[in-house]
Amino acid sequence: MPKMKTKSGAKKRLRVRGSGSVKRSHAFLRHILTKKSTKRKRNLRGMETVHESNMGHVRAMLPYA
């Protein structure tokens, strides 16, 4: 069997932790920032864990992670 390919967009955006959980960054912080409040932008900083309901899709995109 040939090797499965990893989705290149997913490998740039997601990192697998040692525990097996996957961390991701928040969306909505790239542009049109003037209409967003400072509190909203501050809460979008940092990393978040991928939800369990989406882990099946993530595992399919990152087969060897």
N, C-alpha and C. Protein backbone atom coordinates (compact mmCIF):
# COMPACT_ATOMS: atom_id res chain seq x y z
N MET A 1 0.84 -1.20 0.00
CA MET A 1 0.00 0.00 0.00
C MET A 1 0.88 1.25 0.00
N PRO A 2 0.49 2.25 -0.77
CA PRO A 2 1.24 3.50 -0.72
C PRO A 2 0.95 4.26 0.57
N LYS A 3 1.84 5.17 0.88
CA LYS A 3 1.65 5.98 2.08
C LYS A 3 0.51 6.97 1.88
N MET A 4 -0.19 7.28 2.96
CA MET A 4 -1.26 8.29 2.91
C MET A 4 -0.63 9.66 2.96
N LYS A 5 -1.21 10.59 2.24
CA LYS A 5 -0.69 11.95 2.25
C LYS A 5 -1.33 12.76 3.37
N THR A 6 -0.52 13.61 4.01
CA THR A 6 -1.01 14.54 5.00
C THR A 6 -1.50 15.79 4.28
N LYS A 7 -2.65 16.33 4.72
CA LYS A 7 -3.14 17.59 4.15
C LYS A 7 -2.18 18.71 4.54
N SER A 8 -1.61 19.39 3.54
CA SER A 8 -0.57 20.38 3.82
C SER A 8 -1.12 21.58 4.58
N GLY A 9 -2.39 21.93 4.36
CA GLY A 9 -2.98 23.03 5.11
C GLY A 9 -3.13 22.69 6.58
N ALA A 10 -3.45 21.43 6.87
CA ALA A 10 -3.63 21.01 8.25
C ALA A 10 -2.30 20.96 9.00
N LYS A 11 -1.24 20.52 8.32
CA LYS A 11 0.04 20.42 9.03
C LYS A 11 0.60 21.79 9.34
N LYS A 12 0.19 22.83 8.60
CA LYS A 12 0.63 24.18 8.89
C LYS A 12 -0.15 24.81 10.04
N ARG A 13 -1.37 24.34 10.27
CA ARG A 13 -2.26 25.01 11.21
C ARG A 13 -2.46 24.26 12.53
N LEU A 14 -2.14 22.99 12.58
CA LEU A 14 -2.43 22.17 13.75
C LEU A 14 -1.16 21.55 14.29
N ARG A 15 -1.09 21.41 15.62
CA ARG A 15 0.03 20.74 16.27
C ARG A 15 -0.52 19.72 17.25
N VAL A 16 0.07 18.52 17.25
CA VAL A 16 -0.38 17.46 18.14
C VAL A 16 0.46 17.52 19.41
N ARG A 17 -0.22 17.50 20.55
CA ARG A 17 0.47 17.52 21.84
C ARG A 17 0.87 16.10 22.22
N GLY A 18 1.68 16.00 23.24
CA GLY A 18 2.11 14.69 23.70
C GLY A 18 0.99 13.83 24.21
N SER A 19 -0.06 14.47 24.74
CA SER A 19 -1.21 13.72 25.25
C SER A 19 -2.12 13.22 24.13
N GLY A 20 -1.87 13.67 22.90
CA GLY A 20 -2.71 13.26 21.79
C GLY A 20 -3.73 14.29 21.38
N SER A 21 -3.94 15.32 22.22
CA SER A 21 -4.86 16.38 21.84
C SER A 21 -4.20 17.27 20.79
N VAL A 22 -5.01 18.00 20.08
CA VAL A 22 -4.52 18.83 18.98
C VAL A 22 -4.80 20.28 19.32
N LYS A 23 -3.80 21.13 19.16
CA LYS A 23 -4.00 22.54 19.43
C LYS A 23 -4.10 23.32 18.14
N ARG A 24 -4.87 24.39 18.19
CA ARG A 24 -5.13 25.23 17.03
C ARG A 24 -5.22 26.67 17.49
N SER A 25 -5.09 27.60 16.55
CA SER A 25 -5.25 29.00 16.89
C SER A 25 -6.67 29.42 16.58
N HIS A 26 -7.05 30.60 17.05
CA HIS A 26 -8.39 31.12 16.85
C HIS A 26 -8.53 31.76 15.47
N ALA A 27 -9.74 31.78 14.98
CA ALA A 27 -10.05 32.47 13.73
C ALA A 27 -10.47 33.91 14.05
N PHE A 28 -10.72 34.70 13.02
CA PHE A 28 -11.28 36.06 13.11
C PHE A 28 -10.30 37.07 13.69
N LEU A 29 -9.00 36.88 13.47
CA LEU A 29 -8.04 37.85 14.00
C LEU A 29 -7.06 38.30 12.92
N ARG A 30 -7.44 38.21 11.65
CA ARG A 30 -6.53 38.52 10.55
C ARG A 30 -6.74 39.93 9.99
N HIS A 31 -7.99 40.31 9.79
CA HIS A 31 -8.25 41.62 9.17
C HIS A 31 -9.60 42.12 9.66
N ILE A 32 -9.94 43.35 9.27
CA ILE A 32 -11.15 44.05 9.74
C ILE A 32 -11.17 44.07 11.27
N LEU A 33 -10.07 44.53 11.85
CA LEU A 33 -9.94 44.51 13.30
C LEU A 33 -10.46 45.79 13.95
N THR A 34 -10.73 46.83 13.18
CA THR A 34 -11.12 48.10 13.79
C THR A 34 -12.51 48.03 14.40
N LYS A 35 -13.39 47.22 13.85
CA LYS A 35 -14.75 47.13 14.39
C LYS A 35 -14.87 46.13 15.53
N LYS A 36 -13.80 45.37 15.80
CA LYS A 36 -13.84 44.40 16.89
C LYS A 36 -13.31 45.05 18.15
N SER A 37 -13.92 44.73 19.28
CA SER A 37 -13.52 45.33 20.54
C SER A 37 -12.17 44.77 20.99
N THR A 38 -11.50 45.53 21.83
CA THR A 38 -10.20 45.10 22.35
C THR A 38 -10.34 43.81 23.15
N LYS A 39 -11.42 43.69 23.92
CA LYS A 39 -11.64 42.49 24.71
C LYS A 39 -11.82 41.26 23.81
N ARG A 40 -12.54 41.44 22.72
CA ARG A 40 -12.76 40.33 21.79
C ARG A 40 -11.45 39.89 21.14
N LYS A 41 -10.64 40.86 20.73
CA LYS A 41 -9.36 40.54 20.11
C LYS A 41 -8.41 39.90 21.10
N ARG A 42 -8.43 40.36 22.34
CA ARG A 42 -7.56 39.79 23.37
C ARG A 42 -7.93 38.34 23.66
N ASN A 43 -9.23 38.04 23.68
CA ASN A 43 -9.68 36.67 23.96
C ASN A 43 -9.43 35.73 22.79
N LEU A 44 -9.14 36.27 21.61
CA LEU A 44 -8.83 35.42 20.45
C LEU A 44 -7.36 35.08 20.36
N ARG A 45 -6.53 35.66 21.23
CA ARG A 45 -5.10 35.34 21.22
C ARG A 45 -4.88 33.94 21.80
N GLY A 46 -3.71 33.39 21.53
CA GLY A 46 -3.34 32.13 22.15
C GLY A 46 -3.90 30.94 21.41
N MET A 47 -3.74 29.77 22.01
CA MET A 47 -4.14 28.53 21.37
C MET A 47 -5.37 27.95 22.04
N GLU A 48 -6.01 27.06 21.32
CA GLU A 48 -7.21 26.37 21.79
C GLU A 48 -7.06 24.90 21.43
N THR A 49 -7.80 24.03 22.11
CA THR A 49 -7.78 22.61 21.82
C THR A 49 -8.90 22.29 20.84
N VAL A 50 -8.62 21.43 19.89
CA VAL A 50 -9.65 20.99 18.94
C VAL A 50 -10.69 20.17 19.69
N HIS A 51 -11.96 20.44 19.43
CA HIS A 51 -13.06 19.76 20.11
C HIS A 51 -13.13 18.29 19.71
N GLU A 52 -13.63 17.46 20.63
CA GLU A 52 -13.69 16.02 20.38
C GLU A 52 -14.54 15.67 19.17
N SER A 53 -15.58 16.48 18.90
CA SER A 53 -16.46 16.19 17.78
C SER A 53 -15.76 16.41 16.44
N ASN A 54 -14.68 17.17 16.42
CA ASN A 54 -13.94 17.42 15.18
C ASN A 54 -12.68 16.56 15.05
N MET A 55 -12.38 15.76 16.05
CA MET A 55 -11.14 15.01 16.04
C MET A 55 -11.09 13.95 14.94
N GLY A 56 -12.22 13.42 14.54
CA GLY A 56 -12.23 12.46 13.45
C GLY A 56 -11.76 13.06 12.15
N HIS A 57 -12.19 14.30 11.88
CA HIS A 57 -11.76 14.99 10.67
C HIS A 57 -10.27 15.32 10.75
N VAL A 58 -9.82 15.71 11.94
CA VAL A 58 -8.40 16.07 12.11
C VAL A 58 -7.53 14.84 11.92
N ARG A 59 -7.94 13.70 12.46
CA ARG A 59 -7.16 12.46 12.32
C ARG A 59 -7.07 12.03 10.86
N ALA A 60 -8.13 12.30 10.09
CA ALA A 60 -8.11 11.95 8.68
C ALA A 60 -7.14 12.86 7.92
N MET A 61 -7.04 14.12 8.34
CA MET A 61 -6.15 15.06 7.66
C MET A 61 -4.70 14.85 8.07
N LEU A 62 -4.46 14.37 9.29
CA LEU A 62 -3.10 14.13 9.80
C LEU A 62 -2.97 12.65 10.15
N PRO A 63 -2.82 11.77 9.17
CA PRO A 63 -2.87 10.33 9.46
C PRO A 63 -1.69 9.83 10.30
N TYR A 64 -0.54 10.48 10.26
CA TYR A 64 0.64 9.99 10.97
C TYR A 64 0.97 10.81 12.22
N ALA A 65 0.08 11.68 12.62
CA ALA A 65 0.34 12.53 13.80
C ALA A 65 -0.06 11.80 15.07
